[in-house]
C-alpha atoms as a PDB file:
ATOM      1  CA  MET A   1     -11.650 -16.899  12.030  1.00  0.00           C
ATOM      2  CA  VAL A   2     -11.635 -13.951  14.453  1.00  0.00           C
ATOM      3  CA  SER A   3     -10.144 -10.555  12.426  1.00  0.00           C
ATOM      4  CA  ARG A   4      -7.526  -8.473  14.473  1.00  0.00           C
ATOM      5  CA  ASN A   5      -5.355  -5.647  14.504  1.00  0.00           C
ATOM      6  CA  ALA A   6      -1.444  -6.172  15.168  1.00  0.00           C
ATOM      7  CA  GLY A   7      -0.467  -6.713  18.686  1.00  0.00           C
ATOM      8  CA  GLU A   8      -4.378  -7.980  20.004  1.00  0.00           C
ATOM      9  CA  THR A   9      -4.546 -11.155  21.459  1.00  0.00           C
ATOM     10  CA  ASP A  10      -7.460 -13.244  23.144  1.00  0.00           C
ATOM     11  CA  THR A  11      -5.968 -12.351  26.439  1.00  0.00           C
ATOM     12  CA  PRO A  12      -4.877  -8.677  27.303  1.00  0.00           C
ATOM     13  CA  ALA A  13      -1.160  -7.621  27.701  1.00  0.00           C
ATOM     14  CA  THR A  14      -1.679  -7.103  31.440  1.00  0.00           C
ATOM     15  CA  GLU A  15      -2.414  -9.703  33.681  1.00  0.00           C
ATOM     16  CA  THR A  16      -6.136  -9.302  34.720  1.00  0.00           C
ATOM     17  CA  THR A  17      -7.057 -12.920  33.667  1.00  0.00           C
ATOM     18  CA  THR A  18      -7.023 -15.186  36.552  1.00  0.00           C
ATOM     19  CA  PHE A  19      -6.005 -18.901  35.337  1.00  0.00           C
ATOM     20  CA  THR A  20      -7.319 -21.918  37.336  1.00  0.00           C
ATOM     21  CA  SER A  21      -4.067 -23.839  36.645  1.00  0.00           C
ATOM     22  CA  PRO A  22      -0.477 -23.368  35.241  1.00  0.00           C
ATOM     23  CA  ALA A  23      -1.769 -25.768  32.547  1.00  0.00           C
ATOM     24  CA  ASP A  24      -4.556 -23.170  31.339  1.00  0.00           C
ATOM     25  CA  ARG A  25      -1.848 -20.296  31.690  1.00  0.00           C
ATOM     26  CA  ALA A  26       0.884 -22.446  29.507  1.00  0.00           C
ATOM     27  CA  VAL A  27      -1.996 -23.108  26.564  1.00  0.00           C
ATOM     28  CA  SER A  28      -3.237 -19.367  26.628  1.00  0.00           C
ATOM     29  CA  TYR A  29       0.368 -17.863  26.805  1.00  0.00           C
ATOM     30  CA  THR A  30       1.112 -20.560  23.777  1.00  0.00           C
ATOM     31  CA  ASN A  31      -2.046 -19.755  22.015  1.00  0.00           C
ATOM     32  CA  ASP A  32      -1.138 -15.740  22.220  1.00  0.00           C
ATOM     33  CA  LEU A  33       2.597 -16.422  20.675  1.00  0.00           C
ATOM     34  CA  LYS A  34       1.110 -18.274  17.946  1.00  0.00           C
ATOM     35  CA  GLU A  35      -1.445 -15.611  17.218  1.00  0.00           C
ATOM     36  CA  MET A  36       1.508 -13.373  16.955  1.00  0.00           C
ATOM     37  CA  GLY A  37       3.362 -15.610  14.637  1.00  0.00           C
ATOM     38  CA  MET A  38       5.512 -17.656  16.778  1.00  0.00           C
ATOM     39  CA  SER A  39       5.661 -21.263  15.678  1.00  0.00           C
ATOM     40  CA  MET A  40       5.899 -24.054  18.358  1.00  0.00           C
ATOM     41  CA  PRO A  41       9.615 -24.907  17.710  1.00  0.00           C
ATOM     42  CA  ILE A  42      10.597 -21.077  18.484  1.00  0.00           C
ATOM     43  CA  ILE A  43       8.504 -21.204  21.595  1.00  0.00           C
ATOM     44  CA  ARG A  44       9.828 -24.497  22.425  1.00  0.00           C
ATOM     45  CA  ARG A  45      13.333 -23.182  22.125  1.00  0.00           C
ATOM     46  CA  ASN A  46      12.464 -20.129  24.373  1.00  0.00           C
ATOM     47  CA  VAL A  47      11.178 -22.340  26.893  1.00  0.00           C
ATOM     48  CA  ALA A  48      14.235 -24.602  26.751  1.00  0.00           C
ATOM     49  CA  GLY A  49      16.418 -21.373  27.064  1.00  0.00           C
ATOM     50  CA  PRO A  50      20.076 -20.876  26.179  1.00  0.00           C
ATOM     51  CA  LYS A  51      21.237 -23.854  28.450  1.00  0.00           C
ATOM     52  CA  ASN A  52      18.721 -26.260  27.034  1.00  0.00           C
ATOM     53  CA  ASP A  53      16.914 -27.063  29.845  1.00  0.00           C
ATOM     54  CA  LEU A  54      15.199 -30.315  29.005  1.00  0.00           C
ATOM     55  CA  LYS A  55      13.434 -30.688  32.151  1.00  0.00           C
ATOM     56  CA  ALA A  56      11.987 -27.237  31.824  1.00  0.00           C
ATOM     57  CA  LEU A  57      10.790 -28.262  28.213  1.00  0.00           C
ATOM     58  CA  ALA A  58       9.266 -31.198  29.480  1.00  0.00           C
ATOM     59  CA  VAL A  59       7.432 -29.991  32.401  1.00  0.00           C
ATOM     60  CA  PHE A  60       5.940 -27.174  29.790  1.00  0.00           C
ATOM     61  CA  GLN A  61       5.179 -29.958  27.400  1.00  0.00           C
ATOM     62  CA  GLU A  62       3.455 -31.743  30.166  1.00  0.00           C
ATOM     63  CA  ALA A  63       1.602 -28.513  31.025  1.00  0.00           C
ATOM     64  CA  LEU A  64       0.298 -27.882  27.438  1.00  0.00           C
ATOM     65  CA  ALA A  65      -1.165 -31.502  27.544  1.00  0.00           C
ATOM     66  CA  GLY A  66      -3.182 -30.399  30.541  1.00  0.00           C
ATOM     67  CA  ASN A  67      -0.914 -32.163  33.217  1.00  0.00           C
ATOM     68  CA  VAL A  68       0.041 -29.954  36.189  1.00  0.00           C
ATOM     69  CA  PRO A  69       2.959 -31.442  37.992  1.00  0.00           C
ATOM     70  CA  THR A  70       2.593 -32.651  41.702  1.00  0.00           C
ATOM     71  CA  ASP A  71       6.183 -32.275  42.670  1.00  0.00           C
ATOM     72  CA  GLU A  72       7.233 -29.084  44.269  1.00  0.00           C
ATOM     73  CA  ASP A  73      10.538 -28.408  42.371  1.00  0.00           C
ATOM     74  CA  GLU A  74       8.652 -29.279  39.070  1.00  0.00           C
ATOM     75  CA  LEU A  75       5.891 -26.848  39.740  1.00  0.00           C
ATOM     76  CA  VAL A  76       8.271 -23.988  40.771  1.00  0.00           C
ATOM     77  CA  ARG A  77      10.188 -24.742  37.453  1.00  0.00           C
ATOM     78  CA  LEU A  78       6.860 -24.625  35.377  1.00  0.00           C
ATOM     79  CA  GLU A  79       5.792 -20.977  37.150  1.00  0.00           C
ATOM     80  CA  LYS A  80       9.461 -19.970  36.198  1.00  0.00           C
ATOM     81  CA  VAL A  81       8.878 -21.170  32.499  1.00  0.00           C
ATOM     82  CA  LEU A  82       5.534 -19.492  32.597  1.00  0.00           C
ATOM     83  CA  ASP A  83       6.912 -16.105  33.905  1.00  0.00           C
ATOM     84  CA  ASP A  84       9.585 -16.223  31.237  1.00  0.00           C
ATOM     85  CA  LEU A  85       7.022 -17.056  28.639  1.00  0.00           C
ATOM     86  CA  ASN A  86       4.864 -14.307  29.656  1.00  0.00           C
ATOM     87  CA  ASP A  87       7.861 -11.705  29.202  1.00  0.00           C
ATOM     88  CA  ILE A  88       8.214 -12.974  25.733  1.00  0.00           C
ATOM     89  CA  ARG A  89       4.561 -12.622  24.987  1.00  0.00           C
ATOM     90  CA  LEU A  90       4.346  -9.042  26.273  1.00  0.00           C
ATOM     91  CA  ASP A  91       7.611  -8.051  24.411  1.00  0.00           C
ATOM     92  CA  LYS A  92       6.353  -9.563  21.181  1.00  0.00           C
ATOM     93  CA  ALA A  93       3.005  -7.819  21.536  1.00  0.00           C
ATOM     94  CA  GLU A  94       4.768  -4.662  22.055  1.00  0.00           C
ATOM     95  CA  GLU A  95       7.061  -4.945  18.975  1.00  0.00           C
ATOM     96  CA  GLU A  96       4.031  -5.508  17.092  1.00  0.00           C
ATOM     97  CA  LEU A  97       2.420  -2.580  18.360  1.00  0.00           C
ATOM     98  CA  PHE A  98       5.638  -0.817  17.717  1.00  0.00           C
ATOM     99  CA  TRP A  99       5.549  -1.762  14.040  1.00  0.00           C
ATOM    100  CA  ALA A 100       1.558  -1.028  13.313  1.00  0.00           C
ATOM    101  CA  GLU A 101       2.133   2.561  14.795  1.00  0.00           C
ATOM    102  CA  ARG A 102       5.083   2.699  12.032  1.00  0.00           C
ATOM    103  CA  GLU A 103       2.981   1.060   9.113  1.00  0.00           C
ATOM    104  CA  GLY A 104       2.696   3.552   6.289  1.00  0.00           C
ATOM    105  CA  GLN A 105       5.227   6.103   7.630  1.00  0.00           C
ATOM    106  CA  VAL A 106       8.133   6.933   5.727  1.00  0.00           C
ATOM    107  CA  VAL A 107      10.976   6.002   7.480  1.00  0.00           C
ATOM    108  CA  SER A 108      14.405   7.309   6.397  1.00  0.00           C
ATOM    109  CA  ALA A 109      17.596   8.962   8.270  1.00  0.00           C
ATOM    110  CA  ILE A 110      17.186  11.792   5.584  1.00  0.00           C
ATOM    111  CA  THR A 111      13.589  12.415   5.995  1.00  0.00           C
ATOM    112  CA  ASP A 112      12.980  12.087   9.566  1.00  0.00           C
ATOM    113  CA  ASN A 113      15.524  14.747  10.600  1.00  0.00           C
ATOM    114  CA  ALA A 114      14.099  17.213   7.954  1.00  0.00           C
ATOM    115  CA  SER A 115      11.819  19.521   9.921  1.00  0.00           C
ATOM    116  CA  GLY A 116       8.750  21.043   8.701  1.00  0.00           C
ATOM    117  CA  LEU A 117       7.770  18.184   6.265  1.00  0.00           C
ATOM    118  CA  SER A 118       4.575  16.602   6.120  1.00  0.00           C
ATOM    119  CA  GLU A 119       4.008  12.736   5.969  1.00  0.00           C
ATOM    120  CA  SER A 120       3.205  13.347   2.145  1.00  0.00           C
ATOM    121  CA  ASP A 121       6.213  15.711   1.914  1.00  0.00           C
ATOM    122  CA  LYS A 122       8.606  13.020   3.519  1.00  0.00           C
ATOM    123  CA  SER A 123       7.013  10.360   1.181  1.00  0.00           C
ATOM    124  CA  GLU A 124       7.840  12.687  -1.776  1.00  0.00           C
ATOM    125  CA  VAL A 125      11.423  13.639  -0.785  1.00  0.00           C
ATOM    126  CA  ALA A 126      12.126   9.834  -0.070  1.00  0.00           C
ATOM    127  CA  ASN A 127      10.893   8.872  -3.644  1.00  0.00           C
ATOM    128  CA  MET A 128      13.284  11.660  -5.100  1.00  0.00           C
ATOM    129  CA  VAL A 129      16.013  10.710  -2.745  1.00  0.00           C
ATOM    130  CA  ALA A 130      15.505   6.954  -4.177  1.00  0.00           C
ATOM    131  CA  ASN A 131      15.640   8.033  -7.566  1.00  0.00           C
ATOM    132  CA  ILE A 132      18.548  10.038  -7.358  1.00  0.00           C
ATOM    133  CA  THR A 133      20.482   7.367  -5.494  1.00  0.00           C
ATOM    134  CA  MET A 134      19.303   4.581  -8.327  1.00  0.00           C
ATOM    135  CA  TYR A 135      20.740   6.765 -11.029  1.00  0.00           C
ATOM    136  CA  GLY A 136      23.753   7.601  -8.926  1.00  0.00           C
ATOM    137  CA  VAL A 137      24.661   3.937  -8.816  1.00  0.00           C
ATOM    138  CA  GLN A 138      23.770   3.271 -12.573  1.00  0.00           C
ATOM    139  CA  GLY A 139      25.722   5.888 -13.782  1.00  0.00           C
ATOM    140  CA  ALA A 140      28.654   4.545 -11.293  1.00  0.00           C
ATOM    141  CA  VAL A 141      28.241   0.949 -12.923  1.00  0.00           C
ATOM    142  CA  TRP A 142      27.905   2.345 -16.705  1.00  0.00           C
ATOM    143  CA  ASN A 143      31.491   4.432 -16.002  1.00  0.00           C
ATOM    144  CA  ALA A 144      32.948   1.357 -14.730  1.00  0.00           C
ATOM    145  CA  MET A 145      31.818  -0.710 -17.935  1.00  0.00           C
ATOM    146  CA  ILE A 146      33.074   2.034 -20.277  1.00  0.00           C
ATOM    147  CA  LEU A 147      36.372   2.371 -18.092  1.00  0.00           C
ATOM    148  CA  LEU A 148      36.920  -1.288 -18.684  1.00  0.00           C
ATOM    149  CA  ILE A 149      36.225  -1.023 -22.092  1.00  0.00           C
ATOM    150  CA  VAL A 150      38.652   1.677 -22.895  1.00  0.00           C
ATOM    151  CA  PHE A 151      41.279  -0.212 -20.623  1.00  0.00           C
ATOM    152  CA  VAL A 152      40.928  -3.623 -22.448  1.00  0.00           C
ATOM    153  CA  SER A 153      40.982  -1.725 -25.709  1.00  0.00           C
ATOM    154  CA  ILE A 154      44.167   0.323 -25.204  1.00  0.00           C
ATOM    155  CA  VAL A 155      45.704  -2.972 -23.716  1.00  0.00           C
ATOM    156  CA  ASN A 156      44.671  -4.764 -26.808  1.00  0.00           C
ATOM    157  CA  PHE A 157      45.791  -1.822 -29.069  1.00  0.00           C
ATOM    158  CA  LEU A 158      49.451  -1.534 -27.462  1.00  0.00           C
ATOM    159  CA  ARG A 159      50.127  -5.148 -27.866  1.00  0.00           C
END
């Protein structure tokens, strides 16, 4: 098993690799997407697209099996599918890099807008805000329960 950081794949994000056939390209893109956490059903759904293009899906499946279409229309369809799949692959890699950069950072609308705070200060402030919020919610729940008990007691007493 090869160890990688988030967003790293076997093939680079830019197209410097030359493929000998569209089938190699389909296998490479599919393997990259699998490494980034996409399952085959999701990849197939993206290949079929919103119009559920079963012909494109069939051509893609054949390319994964190593069969390159001989018909010019099918070859054009496969190239379009592979271009779309490459766009998805690049978007997914960009998303993984975005989240890898944010790993370990405190993300909060309150602390992000505070100027002059270091990451450790932001972490402390975020913990304090979380505790204050938690106690505020607990206080509201206790107040509601006490008011309910007082209301029920008054209604029962007046009966």
